[in-house]
Amino acid sequence: MILKDGYEPSDKLKGDLAQHVVRIMGKNLRPRMIQIVPDLPRTRSMKIVRKAIRKKYMGEDPGDLASIENPEVLEYILKVN
């Protein structure tokens, strides 16, 4: 998750966000973990590269990252975990 200006990361904020998901979508879809990051890996057309995030997180080779504008964010996401 990327925070808007004016918000600071905290455990309370993460808890509030998880509760909001429960209210809107139900207990079964409560996130196990919420990560707050400065940015997400995106292509030049600003699409989020979810597959690369998933593969990197699972310890697999994310493949060709040449089309990603900011591949360094993938490493940051792993460090935050």
PDB file of N, CA and C in Angstrom:
ATOM      1  N   MET A   1       0.836  -1.166   0.000  1.00  0.00           N
ATOM      2  CA  MET A   1       0.000   0.000   0.000  1.00  0.00           C
ATOM      3  C   MET A   1       0.881   1.230   0.000  1.00  0.00           C
ATOM      4  N   ILE A   2       0.468   2.205  -0.742  1.00  0.00           N
ATOM      5  CA  ILE A   2       1.153   3.493  -0.801  1.00  0.00           C
ATOM      6  C   ILE A   2       0.273   4.511  -0.084  1.00  0.00           C
ATOM      7  N   LEU A   3       0.848   5.245   0.851  1.00  0.00           N
ATOM      8  CA  LEU A   3       0.080   6.237   1.605  1.00  0.00           C
ATOM      9  C   LEU A   3       0.001   7.562   0.858  1.00  0.00           C
ATOM     10  N   LYS A   4      -1.126   8.224   1.009  1.00  0.00           N
ATOM     11  CA  LYS A   4      -1.273   9.580   0.481  1.00  0.00           C
ATOM     12  C   LYS A   4      -0.517  10.545   1.381  1.00  0.00           C
ATOM     13  N   ASP A   5      -0.244  11.725   0.864  1.00  0.00           N
ATOM     14  CA  ASP A   5       0.428  12.745   1.661  1.00  0.00           C
ATOM     15  C   ASP A   5      -0.376  13.044   2.916  1.00  0.00           C
ATOM     16  N   GLY A   6       0.317  13.266   4.007  1.00  0.00           N
ATOM     17  CA  GLY A   6      -0.343  13.608   5.251  1.00  0.00           C
ATOM     18  C   GLY A   6      -0.572  12.414   6.175  1.00  0.00           C
ATOM     19  N   TYR A   7      -0.320  11.209   5.704  1.00  0.00           N
ATOM     20  CA  TYR A   7      -0.486  10.010   6.527  1.00  0.00           C
ATOM     21  C   TYR A   7       0.878   9.431   6.857  1.00  0.00           C
ATOM     22  N   GLU A   8       1.015   8.935   8.059  1.00  0.00           N
ATOM     23  CA  GLU A   8       2.248   8.311   8.514  1.00  0.00           C
ATOM     24  C   GLU A   8       1.985   6.827   8.769  1.00  0.00           C
ATOM     25  N   PRO A   9       2.923   5.961   8.414  1.00  0.00           N
ATOM     26  CA  PRO A   9       2.730   4.532   8.674  1.00  0.00           C
ATOM     27  C   PRO A   9       2.721   4.247  10.170  1.00  0.00           C
ATOM     28  N   SER A  10       1.787   3.406  10.593  1.00  0.00           N
ATOM     29  CA  SER A  10       1.722   2.997  11.994  1.00  0.00           C
ATOM     30  C   SER A  10       0.938   1.695  12.095  1.00  0.00           C
ATOM     31  N   ASP A  11       1.106   1.021  13.222  1.00  0.00           N
ATOM     32  CA  ASP A  11       0.355  -0.211  13.449  1.00  0.00           C
ATOM     33  C   ASP A  11      -1.134   0.066  13.552  1.00  0.00           C
ATOM     34  N   LYS A  12      -1.502   1.209  14.121  1.00  0.00           N
ATOM     35  CA  LYS A  12      -2.915   1.574  14.227  1.00  0.00           C
ATOM     36  C   LYS A  12      -3.533   1.753  12.842  1.00  0.00           C
ATOM     37  N   LEU A  13      -2.813   2.405  11.945  1.00  0.00           N
ATOM     38  CA  LEU A  13      -3.306   2.606  10.588  1.00  0.00           C
ATOM     39  C   LEU A  13      -3.498   1.264   9.888  1.00  0.00           C
ATOM     40  N   LYS A  14      -2.539   0.362  10.044  1.00  0.00           N
ATOM     41  CA  LYS A  14      -2.655  -0.962   9.438  1.00  0.00           C
ATOM     42  C   LYS A  14      -3.867  -1.708   9.987  1.00  0.00           C
ATOM     43  N   GLY A  15      -4.084  -1.616  11.278  1.00  0.00           N
ATOM     44  CA  GLY A  15      -5.248  -2.253  11.901  1.00  0.00           C
ATOM     45  C   GLY A  15      -6.557  -1.657  11.399  1.00  0.00           C
ATOM     46  N   ASP A  16      -6.596  -0.331  11.282  1.00  0.00           N
ATOM     47  CA  ASP A  16      -7.789   0.337  10.762  1.00  0.00           C
ATOM     48  C   ASP A  16      -8.087  -0.080   9.330  1.00  0.00           C
ATOM     49  N   LEU A  17      -7.039  -0.213   8.517  1.00  0.00           N
ATOM     50  CA  LEU A  17      -7.228  -0.631   7.126  1.00  0.00           C
ATOM     51  C   LEU A  17      -7.739  -2.069   7.051  1.00  0.00           C
ATOM     52  N   ALA A  18      -7.194  -2.946   7.883  1.00  0.00           N
ATOM     53  CA  ALA A  18      -7.658  -4.334   7.907  1.00  0.00           C
ATOM     54  C   ALA A  18      -9.123  -4.395   8.339  1.00  0.00           C
ATOM     55  N   GLN A  19      -9.496  -3.600   9.338  1.00  0.00           N
ATOM     56  CA  GLN A  19     -10.897  -3.560   9.789  1.00  0.00           C
ATOM     57  C   GLN A  19     -11.819  -3.034   8.696  1.00  0.00           C
ATOM     58  N   HIS A  20     -11.343  -2.071   7.928  1.00  0.00           N
ATOM     59  CA  HIS A  20     -12.139  -1.526   6.829  1.00  0.00           C
ATOM     60  C   HIS A  20     -12.413  -2.618   5.786  1.00  0.00           C
ATOM     61  N   VAL A  21     -11.404  -3.420   5.481  1.00  0.00           N
ATOM     62  CA  VAL A  21     -11.598  -4.532   4.537  1.00  0.00           C
ATOM     63  C   VAL A  21     -12.640  -5.504   5.079  1.00  0.00           C
ATOM     64  N   VAL A  22     -12.579  -5.802   6.380  1.00  0.00           N
ATOM     65  CA  VAL A  22     -13.549  -6.707   6.993  1.00  0.00           C
ATOM     66  C   VAL A  22     -14.955  -6.139   6.886  1.00  0.00           C
ATOM     67  N   ARG A  23     -15.120  -4.850   7.157  1.00  0.00           N
ATOM     68  CA  ARG A  23     -16.448  -4.227   7.070  1.00  0.00           C
ATOM     69  C   ARG A  23     -17.006  -4.271   5.659  1.00  0.00           C
ATOM     70  N   ILE A  24     -16.168  -4.016   4.668  1.00  0.00           N
ATOM     71  CA  ILE A  24     -16.619  -3.933   3.284  1.00  0.00           C
ATOM     72  C   ILE A  24     -16.746  -5.314   2.639  1.00  0.00           C
ATOM     73  N   MET A  25     -15.764  -6.198   2.880  1.00  0.00           N
ATOM     74  CA  MET A  25     -15.698  -7.450   2.130  1.00  0.00           C
ATOM     75  C   MET A  25     -15.929  -8.710   2.965  1.00  0.00           C
ATOM     76  N   GLY A  26     -15.860  -8.605   4.279  1.00  0.00           N
ATOM     77  CA  GLY A  26     -16.098  -9.765   5.132  1.00  0.00           C
ATOM     78  C   GLY A  26     -14.829 -10.289   5.786  1.00  0.00           C
ATOM     79  N   LYS A  27     -15.041 -11.079   6.866  1.00  0.00           N
ATOM     80  CA  LYS A  27     -13.914 -11.590   7.653  1.00  0.00           C
ATOM     81  C   LYS A  27     -12.982 -12.496   6.858  1.00  0.00           C
ATOM     82  N   ASN A  28     -13.530 -13.252   5.931  1.00  0.00           N
ATOM     83  CA  ASN A  28     -12.706 -14.196   5.168  1.00  0.00           C
ATOM     84  C   ASN A  28     -11.646 -13.496   4.329  1.00  0.00           C
ATOM     85  N   LEU A  29     -11.849 -12.240   3.976  1.00  0.00           N
ATOM     86  CA  LEU A  29     -10.910 -11.520   3.121  1.00  0.00           C
ATOM     87  C   LEU A  29     -10.024 -10.544   3.900  1.00  0.00           C
ATOM     88  N   ARG A  30      -9.997 -10.682   5.219  1.00  0.00           N
ATOM     89  CA  ARG A  30      -9.123  -9.833   6.036  1.00  0.00           C
ATOM     90  C   ARG A  30      -7.672 -10.097   5.644  1.00  0.00           C
ATOM     91  N   PRO A  31      -6.907  -9.064   5.321  1.00  0.00           N
ATOM     92  CA  PRO A  31      -5.508  -9.279   4.935  1.00  0.00           C
ATOM     93  C   PRO A  31      -4.682  -9.794   6.116  1.00  0.00           C
ATOM     94  N   ARG A  32      -3.806 -10.763   5.841  1.00  0.00           N
ATOM     95  CA  ARG A  32      -2.925 -11.293   6.880  1.00  0.00           C
ATOM     96  C   ARG A  32      -1.840 -10.288   7.227  1.00  0.00           C
ATOM     97  N   MET A  33      -1.460  -9.474   6.229  1.00  0.00           N
ATOM     98  CA  MET A  33      -0.380  -8.523   6.421  1.00  0.00           C
ATOM     99  C   MET A  33      -0.621  -7.322   5.505  1.00  0.00           C
ATOM    100  N   ILE A  34      -0.308  -6.149   5.995  1.00  0.00           N
ATOM    101  CA  ILE A  34      -0.369  -4.942   5.177  1.00  0.00           C
ATOM    102  C   ILE A  34       1.025  -4.334   5.189  1.00  0.00           C
ATOM    103  N   GLN A  35       1.586  -4.142   4.002  1.00  0.00           N
ATOM    104  CA  GLN A  35       2.892  -3.512   3.865  1.00  0.00           C
ATOM    105  C   GLN A  35       2.703  -2.107   3.311  1.00  0.00           C
ATOM    106  N   ILE A  36       3.382  -1.152   3.889  1.00  0.00           N
ATOM    107  CA  ILE A  36       3.346   0.218   3.390  1.00  0.00           C
ATOM    108  C   ILE A  36       4.685   0.492   2.714  1.00  0.00           C
ATOM    109  N   VAL A  37       4.617   0.832   1.431  1.00  0.00           N
ATOM    110  CA  VAL A  37       5.822   1.043   0.626  1.00  0.00           C
ATOM    111  C   VAL A  37       5.743   2.411  -0.054  1.00  0.00           C
ATOM    112  N   PRO A  38       6.890   2.960  -0.461  1.00  0.00           N
ATOM    113  CA  PRO A  38       6.877   4.282  -1.087  1.00  0.00           C
ATOM    114  C   PRO A  38       6.347   4.270  -2.516  1.00  0.00           C
ATOM    115  N   ASP A  39       6.434   3.124  -3.197  1.00  0.00           N
ATOM    116  CA  ASP A  39       5.983   3.034  -4.585  1.00  0.00           C
ATOM    117  C   ASP A  39       5.820   1.569  -4.948  1.00  0.00           C
ATOM    118  N   LEU A  40       5.212   1.293  -6.092  1.00  0.00           N
ATOM    119  CA  LEU A  40       5.068  -0.056  -6.616  1.00  0.00           C
ATOM    120  C   LEU A  40       5.751  -0.125  -7.975  1.00  0.00           C
ATOM    121  N   PRO A  41       6.273  -1.301  -8.332  1.00  0.00           N
ATOM    122  CA  PRO A  41       6.914  -1.406  -9.644  1.00  0.00           C
ATOM    123  C   PRO A  41       5.885  -1.235 -10.758  1.00  0.00           C
ATOM    124  N   ARG A  42       6.187  -0.355 -11.702  1.00  0.00           N
ATOM    125  CA  ARG A  42       5.248  -0.033 -12.774  1.00  0.00           C
ATOM    126  C   ARG A  42       5.957  -0.044 -14.126  1.00  0.00           C
ATOM    127  N   THR A  43       5.156  -0.297 -15.152  1.00  0.00           N
ATOM    128  CA  THR A  43       5.668  -0.205 -16.515  1.00  0.00           C
ATOM    129  C   THR A  43       5.652   1.257 -16.942  1.00  0.00           C
ATOM    130  N   ARG A  44       6.125   1.521 -18.129  1.00  0.00           N
ATOM    131  CA  ARG A  44       6.120   2.902 -18.625  1.00  0.00           C
ATOM    132  C   ARG A  44       4.701   3.451 -18.783  1.00  0.00           C
ATOM    133  N   SER A  45       3.743   2.538 -18.984  1.00  0.00           N
ATOM    134  CA  SER A  45       2.346   2.967 -19.110  1.00  0.00           C
ATOM    135  C   SER A  45       1.647   3.019 -17.746  1.00  0.00           C
ATOM    136  N   MET A  46       2.446   2.923 -16.649  1.00  0.00           N
ATOM    137  CA  MET A  46       1.988   3.069 -15.262  1.00  0.00           C
ATOM    138  C   MET A  46       1.139   1.905 -14.757  1.00  0.00           C
ATOM    139  N   LYS A  47       1.226   0.757 -15.401  1.00  0.00           N
ATOM    140  CA  LYS A  47       0.526  -0.430 -14.898  1.00  0.00           C
ATOM    141  C   LYS A  47       1.396  -1.100 -13.845  1.00  0.00           C
ATOM    142  N   ILE A  48       0.782  -1.515 -12.749  1.00  0.00           N
ATOM    143  CA  ILE A  48       1.512  -2.177 -11.675  1.00  0.00           C
ATOM    144  C   ILE A  48       1.865  -3.593 -12.126  1.00  0.00           C
ATOM    145  N   VAL A  49       3.102  -3.996 -11.912  1.00  0.00           N
ATOM    146  CA  VAL A  49       3.587  -5.300 -12.350  1.00  0.00           C
ATOM    147  C   VAL A  49       3.413  -6.291 -11.193  1.00  0.00           C
ATOM    148  N   ARG A  50       2.183  -6.759 -11.007  1.00  0.00           N
ATOM    149  CA  ARG A  50       1.850  -7.648  -9.896  1.00  0.00           C
ATOM    150  C   ARG A  50       2.575  -8.990  -9.986  1.00  0.00           C
ATOM    151  N   LYS A  51       2.725  -9.494 -11.191  1.00  0.00           N
ATOM    152  CA  LYS A  51       3.378 -10.788 -11.380  1.00  0.00           C
ATOM    153  C   LYS A  51       4.828 -10.748 -10.890  1.00  0.00           C
ATOM    154  N   ALA A  52       5.532  -9.674 -11.162  1.00  0.00           N
ATOM    155  CA  ALA A  52       6.920  -9.541 -10.711  1.00  0.00           C
ATOM    156  C   ALA A  52       6.986  -9.454  -9.190  1.00  0.00           C
ATOM    157  N   ILE A  53       6.041  -8.748  -8.590  1.00  0.00           N
ATOM    158  CA  ILE A  53       6.000  -8.648  -7.125  1.00  0.00           C
ATOM    159  C   ILE A  53       5.795 -10.042  -6.533  1.00  0.00           C
ATOM    160  N   ARG A  54       4.813 -10.760  -7.052  1.00  0.00           N
ATOM    161  CA  ARG A  54       4.476 -12.094  -6.544  1.00  0.00           C
ATOM    162  C   ARG A  54       5.670 -13.039  -6.674  1.00  0.00           C
ATOM    163  N   LYS A  55       6.298 -13.072  -7.866  1.00  0.00           N
ATOM    164  CA  LYS A  55       7.417 -13.988  -8.082  1.00  0.00           C
ATOM    165  C   LYS A  55       8.604 -13.641  -7.189  1.00  0.00           C
ATOM    166  N   LYS A  56       8.920 -12.378  -7.059  1.00  0.00           N
ATOM    167  CA  LYS A  56      10.037 -11.946  -6.218  1.00  0.00           C
ATOM    168  C   LYS A  56       9.765 -12.327  -4.761  1.00  0.00           C
ATOM    169  N   TYR A  57       8.544 -12.122  -4.307  1.00  0.00           N
ATOM    170  CA  TYR A  57       8.161 -12.439  -2.932  1.00  0.00           C
ATOM    171  C   TYR A  57       8.250 -13.938  -2.664  1.00  0.00           C
ATOM    172  N   MET A  58       7.907 -14.753  -3.664  1.00  0.00           N
ATOM    173  CA  MET A  58       7.933 -16.209  -3.525  1.00  0.00           C
ATOM    174  C   MET A  58       9.339 -16.786  -3.725  1.00  0.00           C
ATOM    175  N   GLY A  59      10.320 -15.928  -4.031  1.00  0.00           N
ATOM    176  CA  GLY A  59      11.685 -16.380  -4.210  1.00  0.00           C
ATOM    177  C   GLY A  59      11.969 -16.935  -5.595  1.00  0.00           C
ATOM    178  N   GLU A  60      11.069 -16.697  -6.523  1.00  0.00           N
ATOM    179  CA  GLU A  60      11.243 -17.159  -7.896  1.00  0.00           C
ATOM    180  C   GLU A  60      11.872 -16.055  -8.739  1.00  0.00           C
ATOM    181  N   ASP A  61      12.353 -16.435  -9.914  1.00  0.00           N
ATOM    182  CA  ASP A  61      12.923 -15.464 -10.842  1.00  0.00           C
ATOM    183  C   ASP A  61      11.781 -14.634 -11.432  1.00  0.00           C
ATOM    184  N   PRO A  62      11.789 -13.309 -11.242  1.00  0.00           N
ATOM    185  CA  PRO A  62      10.698 -12.483 -11.763  1.00  0.00           C
ATOM    186  C   PRO A  62      10.728 -12.309 -13.274  1.00  0.00           C
ATOM    187  N   GLY A  63      11.773 -12.790 -13.921  1.00  0.00           N
ATOM    188  CA  GLY A  63      11.859 -12.683 -15.371  1.00  0.00           C
ATOM    189  C   GLY A  63      12.460 -11.362 -15.810  1.00  0.00           C
ATOM    190  N   ASP A  64      12.135 -10.963 -17.029  1.00  0.00           N
ATOM    191  CA  ASP A  64      12.679  -9.749 -17.620  1.00  0.00           C
ATOM    192  C   ASP A  64      12.057  -8.518 -16.979  1.00  0.00           C
ATOM    193  N   LEU A  65      12.879  -7.704 -16.353  1.00  0.00           N
ATOM    194  CA  LEU A  65      12.406  -6.493 -15.684  1.00  0.00           C
ATOM    195  C   LEU A  65      12.734  -5.236 -16.476  1.00  0.00           C
ATOM    196  N   ALA A  66      13.100  -5.407 -17.746  1.00  0.00           N
ATOM    197  CA  ALA A  66      13.506  -4.266 -18.568  1.00  0.00           C
ATOM    198  C   ALA A  66      12.377  -3.260 -18.778  1.00  0.00           C
ATOM    199  N   SER A  67      11.142  -3.722 -18.778  1.00  0.00           N
ATOM    200  CA  SER A  67      10.019  -2.813 -19.029  1.00  0.00           C
ATOM    201  C   SER A  67       9.555  -2.085 -17.770  1.00  0.00           C
ATOM    202  N   ILE A  68      10.155  -2.396 -16.625  1.00  0.00           N
ATOM    203  CA  ILE A  68       9.749  -1.766 -15.366  1.00  0.00           C
ATOM    204  C   ILE A  68      10.540  -0.478 -15.168  1.00  0.00           C
ATOM    205  N   GLU A  69       9.825   0.589 -14.858  1.00  0.00           N
ATOM    206  CA  GLU A  69      10.442   1.905 -14.658  1.00  0.00           C
ATOM    207  C   GLU A  69      11.291   1.965 -13.389  1.00  0.00           C
ATOM    208  N   ASN A  70      10.861   1.281 -12.336  1.00  0.00           N
ATOM    209  CA  ASN A  70      11.536   1.384 -11.044  1.00  0.00           C
ATOM    210  C   ASN A  70      11.727   0.001 -10.405  1.00  0.00           C
ATOM    211  N   PRO A  71      12.589  -0.853 -10.967  1.00  0.00           N
ATOM    212  CA  PRO A  71      12.765  -2.211 -10.440  1.00  0.00           C
ATOM    213  C   PRO A  71      13.352  -2.253  -9.024  1.00  0.00           C
ATOM    214  N   GLU A  72      13.990  -1.178  -8.583  1.00  0.00           N
ATOM    215  CA  GLU A  72      14.562  -1.156  -7.232  1.00  0.00           C
ATOM    216  C   GLU A  72      13.492  -1.286  -6.158  1.00  0.00           C
ATOM    217  N   VAL A  73      12.258  -0.953  -6.498  1.00  0.00           N
ATOM    218  CA  VAL A  73      11.157  -1.056  -5.536  1.00  0.00           C
ATOM    219  C   VAL A  73      10.916  -2.515  -5.152  1.00  0.00           C
ATOM    220  N   LEU A  74      11.167  -3.445  -6.059  1.00  0.00           N
ATOM    221  CA  LEU A  74      10.998  -4.868  -5.747  1.00  0.00           C
ATOM    222  C   LEU A  74      11.901  -5.267  -4.576  1.00  0.00           C
ATOM    223  N   GLU A  75      13.123  -4.800  -4.574  1.00  0.00           N
ATOM    224  CA  GLU A  75      14.046  -5.110  -3.472  1.00  0.00           C
ATOM    225  C   GLU A  75      13.566  -4.476  -2.169  1.00  0.00           C
ATOM    226  N   TYR A  76      13.042  -3.268  -2.257  1.00  0.00           N
ATOM    227  CA  TYR A  76      12.545  -2.585  -1.063  1.00  0.00           C
ATOM    228  C   TYR A  76      11.379  -3.364  -0.453  1.00  0.00           C
ATOM    229  N   ILE A  77      10.485  -3.856  -1.305  1.00  0.00           N
ATOM    230  CA  ILE A  77       9.323  -4.612  -0.825  1.00  0.00           C
ATOM    231  C   ILE A  77       9.782  -5.844  -0.053  1.00  0.00           C
ATOM    232  N   LEU A  78      10.826  -6.511  -0.516  1.00  0.00           N
ATOM    233  CA  LEU A  78      11.327  -7.682   0.183  1.00  0.00           C
ATOM    234  C   LEU A  78      11.957  -7.316   1.519  1.00  0.00           C
ATOM    235  N   LYS A  79      12.646  -6.177   1.591  1.00  0.00           N
ATOM    236  CA  LYS A  79      13.288  -5.757   2.827  1.00  0.00           C
ATOM    237  C   LYS A  79      12.274  -5.372   3.892  1.00  0.00           C
ATOM    238  N   VAL A  80      11.154  -4.804   3.490  1.00  0.00           N
ATOM    239  CA  VAL A  80      10.131  -4.361   4.440  1.00  0.00           C
ATOM    240  C   VAL A  80       9.483  -5.546   5.114  1.00  0.00           C
ATOM    241  N   ASN A  81       9.385  -6.660   4.410  1.00  0.00           N
ATOM    242  CA  ASN A  81       8.703  -7.850   4.912  1.00  0.00           C
ATOM    243  C   ASN A  81       9.349  -8.415   6.099  1.00  0.00           C
TER     244      ASN A  81
END
